[in-house]
């Protein structure tokens, strides 16, 4: 059976919000801490890499949020002057 365009089975990354990313980061750190000494080094390295990328994503998201908040604080409100009357045809 073929997937149609836009179906969830398409090869697209899953979009997660900040709370879900923070939860995944906590889970990965717990998993890394609870690994036994005989766990394969490649598995440990892949989990470490995923932790690093998640931390980077969370930092950039926090910076974007701060920038949006600063921009909103400095933005001037639109003037509430008189509007043009509606055009009659």
PDB file of N, CA and C in Angstrom:
ATOM      1  N   UNK A   1       0.844  -1.173   0.000  1.00  0.00           N
ATOM      2  CA  UNK A   1       0.000   0.000   0.000  1.00  0.00           C
ATOM      3  C   UNK A   1       0.891   1.237   0.000  1.00  0.00           C
ATOM      4  N   UNK A   2       0.616   2.167  -0.880  1.00  0.00           N
ATOM      5  CA  UNK A   2       1.420   3.373  -1.001  1.00  0.00           C
ATOM      6  C   UNK A   2       0.883   4.470  -0.097  1.00  0.00           C
ATOM      7  N   UNK A   3       1.796   5.288   0.374  1.00  0.00           N
ATOM      8  CA  UNK A   3       1.399   6.434   1.191  1.00  0.00           C
ATOM      9  C   UNK A   3       1.069   7.596   0.270  1.00  0.00           C
ATOM     10  N   UNK A   4       0.054   8.343   0.597  1.00  0.00           N
ATOM     11  CA  UNK A   4      -0.249   9.539  -0.172  1.00  0.00           C
ATOM     12  C   UNK A   4       0.530  10.719   0.404  1.00  0.00           C
ATOM     13  N   UNK A   5       0.678  11.766  -0.386  1.00  0.00           N
ATOM     14  CA  UNK A   5       1.488  12.921   0.025  1.00  0.00           C
ATOM     15  C   UNK A   5       0.904  13.568   1.284  1.00  0.00           C
ATOM     16  N   UNK A   6       1.755  13.811   2.273  1.00  0.00           N
ATOM     17  CA  UNK A   6       1.307  14.443   3.506  1.00  0.00           C
ATOM     18  C   UNK A   6       0.903  13.457   4.582  1.00  0.00           C
ATOM     19  N   UNK A   7       0.924  12.173   4.269  1.00  0.00           N
ATOM     20  CA  UNK A   7       0.559  11.173   5.265  1.00  0.00           C
ATOM     21  C   UNK A   7       1.674  11.072   6.302  1.00  0.00           C
ATOM     22  N   UNK A   8       1.344  10.652   7.496  1.00  0.00           N
ATOM     23  CA  UNK A   8       2.326  10.591   8.574  1.00  0.00           C
ATOM     24  C   UNK A   8       3.450   9.604   8.291  1.00  0.00           C
ATOM     25  N   UNK A   9       3.242   8.649   7.406  1.00  0.00           N
ATOM     26  CA  UNK A   9       4.288   7.677   7.124  1.00  0.00           C
ATOM     27  C   UNK A   9       5.328   8.212   6.149  1.00  0.00           C
ATOM     28  N   UNK A  10       5.173   9.450   5.677  1.00  0.00           N
ATOM     29  CA  UNK A  10       6.209  10.054   4.840  1.00  0.00           C
ATOM     30  C   UNK A  10       7.489  10.172   5.649  1.00  0.00           C
ATOM     31  N   UNK A  11       8.586  10.241   4.965  1.00  0.00           N
ATOM     32  CA  UNK A  11       9.879  10.324   5.648  1.00  0.00           C
ATOM     33  C   UNK A  11      10.132  11.773   6.051  1.00  0.00           C
ATOM     34  N   UNK A  12       9.480  12.217   7.114  1.00  0.00           N
ATOM     35  CA  UNK A  12       9.620  13.577   7.609  1.00  0.00           C
ATOM     36  C   UNK A  12       9.941  13.525   9.099  1.00  0.00           C
ATOM     37  N   UNK A  13      10.743  14.486   9.582  1.00  0.00           N
ATOM     38  CA  UNK A  13      11.036  14.484  11.017  1.00  0.00           C
ATOM     39  C   UNK A  13       9.787  14.817  11.829  1.00  0.00           C
ATOM     40  N   UNK A  14       9.732  14.256  13.019  1.00  0.00           N
ATOM     41  CA  UNK A  14       8.614  14.525  13.912  1.00  0.00           C
ATOM     42  C   UNK A  14       8.861  15.872  14.569  1.00  0.00           C
ATOM     43  N   UNK A  15       7.890  16.755  14.491  1.00  0.00           N
ATOM     44  CA  UNK A  15       8.037  18.069  15.110  1.00  0.00           C
ATOM     45  C   UNK A  15       7.609  17.975  16.568  1.00  0.00           C
ATOM     46  N   UNK A  16       8.496  18.450  17.445  1.00  0.00           N
ATOM     47  CA  UNK A  16       8.197  18.414  18.866  1.00  0.00           C
ATOM     48  C   UNK A  16       8.257  19.827  19.414  1.00  0.00           C
ATOM     49  N   UNK A  17       7.396  20.090  20.411  1.00  0.00           N
ATOM     50  CA  UNK A  17       7.455  21.399  21.053  1.00  0.00           C
ATOM     51  C   UNK A  17       8.534  21.376  22.134  1.00  0.00           C
ATOM     52  N   UNK A  18       8.738  22.502  22.774  1.00  0.00           N
ATOM     53  CA  UNK A  18       9.829  22.634  23.741  1.00  0.00           C
ATOM     54  C   UNK A  18       9.670  21.686  24.922  1.00  0.00           C
ATOM     55  N   UNK A  19       8.452  21.533  25.423  1.00  0.00           N
ATOM     56  CA  UNK A  19       8.237  20.644  26.578  1.00  0.00           C
ATOM     57  C   UNK A  19       8.565  19.197  26.222  1.00  0.00           C
ATOM     58  N   UNK A  20       8.181  18.778  25.028  1.00  0.00           N
ATOM     59  CA  UNK A  20       8.477  17.402  24.613  1.00  0.00           C
ATOM     60  C   UNK A  20       9.982  17.194  24.437  1.00  0.00           C
ATOM     61  N   UNK A  21      10.672  18.224  23.921  1.00  0.00           N
ATOM     62  CA  UNK A  21      12.123  18.118  23.765  1.00  0.00           C
ATOM     63  C   UNK A  21      12.805  18.042  25.121  1.00  0.00           C
ATOM     64  N   UNK A  22      12.335  18.826  26.090  1.00  0.00           N
ATOM     65  CA  UNK A  22      12.922  18.778  27.434  1.00  0.00           C
ATOM     66  C   UNK A  22      12.710  17.411  28.069  1.00  0.00           C
ATOM     67  N   UNK A  23      11.534  16.836  27.874  1.00  0.00           N
ATOM     68  CA  UNK A  23      11.253  15.503  28.422  1.00  0.00           C
ATOM     69  C   UNK A  23      12.146  14.461  27.759  1.00  0.00           C
ATOM     70  N   UNK A  24      12.294  14.545  26.437  1.00  0.00           N
ATOM     71  CA  UNK A  24      13.151  13.602  25.735  1.00  0.00           C
ATOM     72  C   UNK A  24      14.600  13.744  26.193  1.00  0.00           C
ATOM     73  N   UNK A  25      15.042  14.966  26.444  1.00  0.00           N
ATOM     74  CA  UNK A  25      16.393  15.192  26.921  1.00  0.00           C
ATOM     75  C   UNK A  25      16.604  14.551  28.294  1.00  0.00           C
ATOM     76  N   UNK A  26      15.629  14.741  29.191  1.00  0.00           N
ATOM     77  CA  UNK A  26      15.726  14.098  30.514  1.00  0.00           C
ATOM     78  C   UNK A  26      15.789  12.579  30.383  1.00  0.00           C
ATOM     79  N   UNK A  27      14.926  12.015  29.527  1.00  0.00           N
ATOM     80  CA  UNK A  27      14.899  10.560  29.348  1.00  0.00           C
ATOM     81  C   UNK A  27      16.223  10.038  28.792  1.00  0.00           C
ATOM     82  N   UNK A  28      16.793  10.754  27.837  1.00  0.00           N
ATOM     83  CA  UNK A  28      18.059  10.317  27.256  1.00  0.00           C
ATOM     84  C   UNK A  28      19.196  10.389  28.277  1.00  0.00           C
ATOM     85  N   UNK A  29      19.192  11.432  29.105  1.00  0.00           N
ATOM     86  CA  UNK A  29      20.226  11.535  30.141  1.00  0.00           C
ATOM     87  C   UNK A  29      20.094  10.398  31.158  1.00  0.00           C
ATOM     88  N   UNK A  30      18.848  10.071  31.519  1.00  0.00           N
ATOM     89  CA  UNK A  30      18.624   8.934  32.425  1.00  0.00           C
ATOM     90  C   UNK A  30      19.094   7.638  31.791  1.00  0.00           C
ATOM     91  N   UNK A  31      18.784   7.454  30.521  1.00  0.00           N
ATOM     92  CA  UNK A  31      19.193   6.239  29.814  1.00  0.00           C
ATOM     93  C   UNK A  31      20.706   6.128  29.777  1.00  0.00           C
ATOM     94  N   UNK A  32      21.375   7.236  29.471  1.00  0.00           N
ATOM     95  CA  UNK A  32      22.837   7.221  29.422  1.00  0.00           C
ATOM     96  C   UNK A  32      23.426   6.906  30.796  1.00  0.00           C
ATOM     97  N   UNK A  33      22.844   7.464  31.838  1.00  0.00           N
ATOM     98  CA  UNK A  33      23.359   7.228  33.194  1.00  0.00           C
ATOM     99  C   UNK A  33      23.125   5.795  33.650  1.00  0.00           C
ATOM    100  N   UNK A  34      22.041   5.182  33.187  1.00  0.00           N
ATOM    101  CA  UNK A  34      21.723   3.830  33.661  1.00  0.00           C
ATOM    102  C   UNK A  34      22.305   2.726  32.787  1.00  0.00           C
ATOM    103  N   UNK A  35      23.093   3.078  31.792  1.00  0.00           N
ATOM    104  CA  UNK A  35      23.691   2.060  30.921  1.00  0.00           C
ATOM    105  C   UNK A  35      24.757   1.282  31.670  1.00  0.00           C
ATOM    106  N   UNK A  36      24.822   0.021  31.368  1.00  0.00           N
ATOM    107  CA  UNK A  36      25.828  -0.849  31.981  1.00  0.00           C
ATOM    108  C   UNK A  36      27.190  -0.589  31.344  1.00  0.00           C
ATOM    109  N   UNK A  37      28.229  -1.104  31.973  1.00  0.00           N
ATOM    110  CA  UNK A  37      29.581  -0.871  31.468  1.00  0.00           C
ATOM    111  C   UNK A  37      29.848  -1.619  30.167  1.00  0.00           C
ATOM    112  N   UNK A  38      29.111  -2.677  29.901  1.00  0.00           N
ATOM    113  CA  UNK A  38      29.355  -3.461  28.688  1.00  0.00           C
ATOM    114  C   UNK A  38      28.492  -3.011  27.498  1.00  0.00           C
ATOM    115  N   UNK A  39      27.809  -1.892  27.636  1.00  0.00           N
ATOM    116  CA  UNK A  39      27.016  -1.349  26.524  1.00  0.00           C
ATOM    117  C   UNK A  39      27.960  -0.897  25.415  1.00  0.00           C
ATOM    118  N   UNK A  40      27.552  -1.083  24.189  1.00  0.00           N
ATOM    119  CA  UNK A  40      28.434  -0.776  23.054  1.00  0.00           C
ATOM    120  C   UNK A  40      28.771   0.722  23.012  1.00  0.00           C
ATOM    121  N   UNK A  41      29.998   1.030  22.705  1.00  0.00           N
ATOM    122  CA  UNK A  41      30.415   2.441  22.627  1.00  0.00           C
ATOM    123  C   UNK A  41      29.658   3.224  21.554  1.00  0.00           C
ATOM    124  N   UNK A  42      29.285   2.560  20.470  1.00  0.00           N
ATOM    125  CA  UNK A  42      28.566   3.272  19.406  1.00  0.00           C
ATOM    126  C   UNK A  42      27.178   3.703  19.881  1.00  0.00           C
ATOM    127  N   UNK A  43      26.537   2.875  20.698  1.00  0.00           N
ATOM    128  CA  UNK A  43      25.229   3.235  21.242  1.00  0.00           C
ATOM    129  C   UNK A  43      25.358   4.415  22.206  1.00  0.00           C
ATOM    130  N   UNK A  44      26.385   4.357  23.058  1.00  0.00           N
ATOM    131  CA  UNK A  44      26.623   5.478  23.968  1.00  0.00           C
ATOM    132  C   UNK A  44      26.876   6.773  23.195  1.00  0.00           C
ATOM    133  N   UNK A  45      27.669   6.669  22.151  1.00  0.00           N
ATOM    134  CA  UNK A  45      28.005   7.849  21.364  1.00  0.00           C
ATOM    135  C   UNK A  45      26.782   8.412  20.647  1.00  0.00           C
ATOM    136  N   UNK A  46      25.932   7.557  20.137  1.00  0.00           N
ATOM    137  CA  UNK A  46      24.733   8.047  19.445  1.00  0.00           C
ATOM    138  C   UNK A  46      23.787   8.759  20.413  1.00  0.00           C
ATOM    139  N   UNK A  47      23.681   8.243  21.636  1.00  0.00           N
ATOM    140  CA  UNK A  47      22.834   8.900  22.634  1.00  0.00           C
ATOM    141  C   UNK A  47      23.445  10.237  23.046  1.00  0.00           C
ATOM    142  N   UNK A  48      24.781  10.267  23.205  1.00  0.00           N
ATOM    143  CA  UNK A  48      25.443  11.534  23.535  1.00  0.00           C
ATOM    144  C   UNK A  48      25.232  12.564  22.436  1.00  0.00           C
ATOM    145  N   UNK A  49      25.334  12.129  21.179  1.00  0.00           N
ATOM    146  CA  UNK A  49      25.125  13.058  20.063  1.00  0.00           C
ATOM    147  C   UNK A  49      23.702  13.596  20.056  1.00  0.00           C
ATOM    148  N   UNK A  50      22.740  12.737  20.334  1.00  0.00           N
ATOM    149  CA  UNK A  50      21.342  13.189  20.361  1.00  0.00           C
ATOM    150  C   UNK A  50      21.121  14.174  21.508  1.00  0.00           C
ATOM    151  N   UNK A  51      21.763  13.948  22.646  1.00  0.00           N
ATOM    152  CA  UNK A  51      21.662  14.861  23.786  1.00  0.00           C
ATOM    153  C   UNK A  51      22.229  16.229  23.409  1.00  0.00           C
ATOM    154  N   UNK A  52      23.379  16.236  22.731  1.00  0.00           N
ATOM    155  CA  UNK A  52      24.003  17.498  22.328  1.00  0.00           C
ATOM    156  C   UNK A  52      23.105  18.251  21.360  1.00  0.00           C
ATOM    157  N   UNK A  53      22.526  17.559  20.379  1.00  0.00           N
ATOM    158  CA  UNK A  53      21.667  18.250  19.413  1.00  0.00           C
ATOM    159  C   UNK A  53      20.407  18.785  20.085  1.00  0.00           C
ATOM    160  N   UNK A  54      19.830  18.025  21.010  1.00  0.00           N
ATOM    161  CA  UNK A  54      18.647  18.516  21.720  1.00  0.00           C
ATOM    162  C   UNK A  54      18.974  19.748  22.557  1.00  0.00           C
ATOM    163  N   UNK A  55      20.123  19.731  23.230  1.00  0.00           N
ATOM    164  CA  UNK A  55      20.514  20.894  24.024  1.00  0.00           C
ATOM    165  C   UNK A  55      20.709  22.116  23.136  1.00  0.00           C
ATOM    166  N   UNK A  56      21.295  21.929  21.953  1.00  0.00           N
ATOM    167  CA  UNK A  56      21.472  23.046  21.026  1.00  0.00           C
ATOM    168  C   UNK A  56      20.126  23.576  20.554  1.00  0.00           C
ATOM    169  N   UNK A  57      19.199  22.665  20.225  1.00  0.00           N
ATOM    170  CA  UNK A  57      17.867  23.091  19.786  1.00  0.00           C
ATOM    171  C   UNK A  57      17.146  23.880  20.874  1.00  0.00           C
ATOM    172  N   UNK A  58      17.260  23.431  22.111  1.00  0.00           N
ATOM    173  CA  UNK A  58      16.606  24.128  23.219  1.00  0.00           C
ATOM    174  C   UNK A  58      17.233  25.502  23.457  1.00  0.00           C
ATOM    175  N   UNK A  59      18.564  25.595  23.319  1.00  0.00           N
ATOM    176  CA  UNK A  59      19.220  26.899  23.481  1.00  0.00           C
ATOM    177  C   UNK A  59      18.787  27.871  22.394  1.00  0.00           C
ATOM    178  N   UNK A  60      18.728  27.410  21.153  1.00  0.00           N
ATOM    179  CA  UNK A  60      18.328  28.310  20.072  1.00  0.00           C
ATOM    180  C   UNK A  60      16.862  28.707  20.213  1.00  0.00           C
ATOM    181  N   UNK A  61      16.029  27.787  20.677  1.00  0.00           N
ATOM    182  CA  UNK A  61      14.620  28.118  20.893  1.00  0.00           C
ATOM    183  C   UNK A  61      14.480  29.163  21.997  1.00  0.00           C
ATOM    184  N   UNK A  62      15.278  29.040  23.046  1.00  0.00           N
ATOM    185  CA  UNK A  62      15.227  30.018  24.138  1.00  0.00           C
ATOM    186  C   UNK A  62      15.686  31.388  23.653  1.00  0.00           C
ATOM    187  N   UNK A  63      16.735  31.409  22.811  1.00  0.00           N
ATOM    188  CA  UNK A  63      17.210  32.684  22.272  1.00  0.00           C
ATOM    189  C   UNK A  63      16.151  33.332  21.388  1.00  0.00           C
ATOM    190  N   UNK A  64      15.484  32.529  20.580  1.00  0.00           N
ATOM    191  CA  UNK A  64      14.439  33.071  19.704  1.00  0.00           C
ATOM    192  C   UNK A  64      13.289  33.638  20.525  1.00  0.00           C
ATOM    193  N   UNK A  65      12.909  32.928  21.590  1.00  0.00           N
ATOM    194  CA  UNK A  65      11.838  33.421  22.452  1.00  0.00           C
ATOM    195  C   UNK A  65      12.220  34.742  23.111  1.00  0.00           C
ATOM    196  N   UNK A  66      13.477  34.841  23.585  1.00  0.00           N
ATOM    197  CA  UNK A  66      13.939  36.083  24.201  1.00  0.00           C
ATOM    198  C   UNK A  66      13.957  37.223  23.179  1.00  0.00           C
ATOM    199  N   UNK A  67      14.379  36.923  21.965  1.00  0.00           N
ATOM    200  CA  UNK A  67      14.429  37.952  20.924  1.00  0.00           C
ATOM    201  C   UNK A  67      13.020  38.420  20.573  1.00  0.00           C
ATOM    202  N   UNK A  68      12.066  37.486  20.481  1.00  0.00           N
ATOM    203  CA  UNK A  68      10.682  37.865  20.198  1.00  0.00           C
ATOM    204  C   UNK A  68      10.106  38.729  21.315  1.00  0.00           C
ATOM    205  N   UNK A  69      10.412  38.367  22.564  1.00  0.00           N
ATOM    206  CA  UNK A  69       9.904  39.135  23.696  1.00  0.00           C
ATOM    207  C   UNK A  69      10.503  40.536  23.709  1.00  0.00           C
ATOM    208  N   UNK A  70      11.804  40.646  23.415  1.00  0.00           N
ATOM    209  CA  UNK A  70      12.447  41.957  23.382  1.00  0.00           C
ATOM    210  C   UNK A  70      11.889  42.795  22.237  1.00  0.00           C
ATOM    211  N   UNK A  71      11.641  42.163  21.105  1.00  0.00           N
ATOM    212  CA  UNK A  71      11.087  42.890  19.967  1.00  0.00           C
ATOM    213  C   UNK A  71       9.666  43.361  20.267  1.00  0.00           C
ATOM    214  N   UNK A  72       8.891  42.519  20.918  1.00  0.00           N
ATOM    215  CA  UNK A  72       7.514  42.902  21.259  1.00  0.00           C
ATOM    216  C   UNK A  72       7.499  44.041  22.269  1.00  0.00           C
ATOM    217  N   UNK A  73       8.485  44.060  23.168  1.00  0.00           N
ATOM    218  CA  UNK A  73       8.534  45.119  24.177  1.00  0.00           C
ATOM    219  C   UNK A  73       8.914  46.466  23.556  1.00  0.00           C
ATOM    220  N   UNK A  74       9.729  46.436  22.506  1.00  0.00           N
ATOM    221  CA  UNK A  74      10.179  47.687  21.899  1.00  0.00           C
ATOM    222  C   UNK A  74       9.305  48.132  20.734  1.00  0.00           C
ATOM    223  N   UNK A  75       8.416  47.291  20.289  1.00  0.00           N
ATOM    224  CA  UNK A  75       7.573  47.619  19.143  1.00  0.00           C
ATOM    225  C   UNK A  75       6.570  48.710  19.507  1.00  0.00           C
ATOM    226  N   UNK A  76       6.434  49.665  18.623  1.00  0.00           N
ATOM    227  CA  UNK A  76       5.492  50.756  18.833  1.00  0.00           C
ATOM    228  C   UNK A  76       4.097  50.309  18.422  1.00  0.00           C
ATOM    229  N   UNK A  77       3.085  50.669  19.197  1.00  0.00           N
ATOM    230  CA  UNK A  77       1.721  50.304  18.801  1.00  0.00           C
ATOM    231  C   UNK A  77       1.300  51.098  17.570  1.00  0.00           C
ATOM    232  N   UNK A  78       0.403  50.516  16.799  1.00  0.00           N
ATOM    233  CA  UNK A  78      -0.086  51.199  15.608  1.00  0.00           C
ATOM    234  C   UNK A  78      -0.890  52.425  16.014  1.00  0.00           C
ATOM    235  N   UNK A  79      -0.721  53.507  15.288  1.00  0.00           N
ATOM    236  CA  UNK A  79      -1.492  54.710  15.630  1.00  0.00           C
ATOM    237  C   UNK A  79      -2.981  54.475  15.385  1.00  0.00           C
ATOM    238  N   UNK A  80      -3.784  55.014  16.252  1.00  0.00           N
ATOM    239  CA  UNK A  80      -5.235  54.839  16.156  1.00  0.00           C
ATOM    240  C   UNK A  80      -5.881  56.097  15.582  1.00  0.00           C
ATOM    241  N   UNK A  81      -5.343  56.571  14.491  1.00  0.00           N
ATOM    242  CA  UNK A  81      -5.878  57.767  13.857  1.00  0.00           C
ATOM    243  C   UNK A  81      -7.170  57.464  13.115  1.00  0.00           C
ATOM    244  N   UNK A  82      -7.755  58.486  12.546  1.00  0.00           N
ATOM    245  CA  UNK A  82      -9.006  58.267  11.804  1.00  0.00           C
ATOM    246  C   UNK A  82      -8.748  57.424  10.560  1.00  0.00           C
ATOM    247  N   UNK A  83      -9.678  56.562  10.273  1.00  0.00           N
ATOM    248  CA  UNK A  83      -9.558  55.708   9.095  1.00  0.00           C
ATOM    249  C   UNK A  83     -10.247  56.356   7.908  1.00  0.00           C
ATOM    250  N   UNK A  84      -9.818  55.938   6.737  1.00  0.00           N
ATOM    251  CA  UNK A  84     -10.460  56.439   5.531  1.00  0.00           C
ATOM    252  C   UNK A  84     -11.871  55.872   5.445  1.00  0.00           C
ATOM    253  N   UNK A  85     -12.793  56.629   4.932  1.00  0.00           N
ATOM    254  CA  UNK A  85     -14.135  56.082   4.765  1.00  0.00           C
ATOM    255  C   UNK A  85     -14.133  55.017   3.674  1.00  0.00           C
ATOM    256  N   UNK A  86     -15.069  54.121   3.742  1.00  0.00           N
ATOM    257  CA  UNK A  86     -15.186  53.056   2.756  1.00  0.00           C
ATOM    258  C   UNK A  86     -15.508  53.603   1.388  1.00  0.00           C
ATOM    259  N   UNK A  87     -14.926  52.983   0.395  1.00  0.00           N
ATOM    260  CA  UNK A  87     -15.169  53.427  -0.972  1.00  0.00           C
ATOM    261  C   UNK A  87     -16.492  52.914  -1.494  1.00  0.00           C
ATOM    262  N   UNK A  88     -17.244  53.759  -2.079  1.00  0.00           N
ATOM    263  CA  UNK A  88     -18.543  53.376  -2.670  1.00  0.00           C
ATOM    264  C   UNK A  88     -18.335  53.200  -4.165  1.00  0.00           C
ATOM    265  N   UNK A  89     -18.960  52.176  -4.722  1.00  0.00           N
ATOM    266  CA  UNK A  89     -18.857  51.938  -6.165  1.00  0.00           C
ATOM    267  C   UNK A  89     -20.093  52.380  -6.853  1.00  0.00           C
TER     268      UNK A  89
END
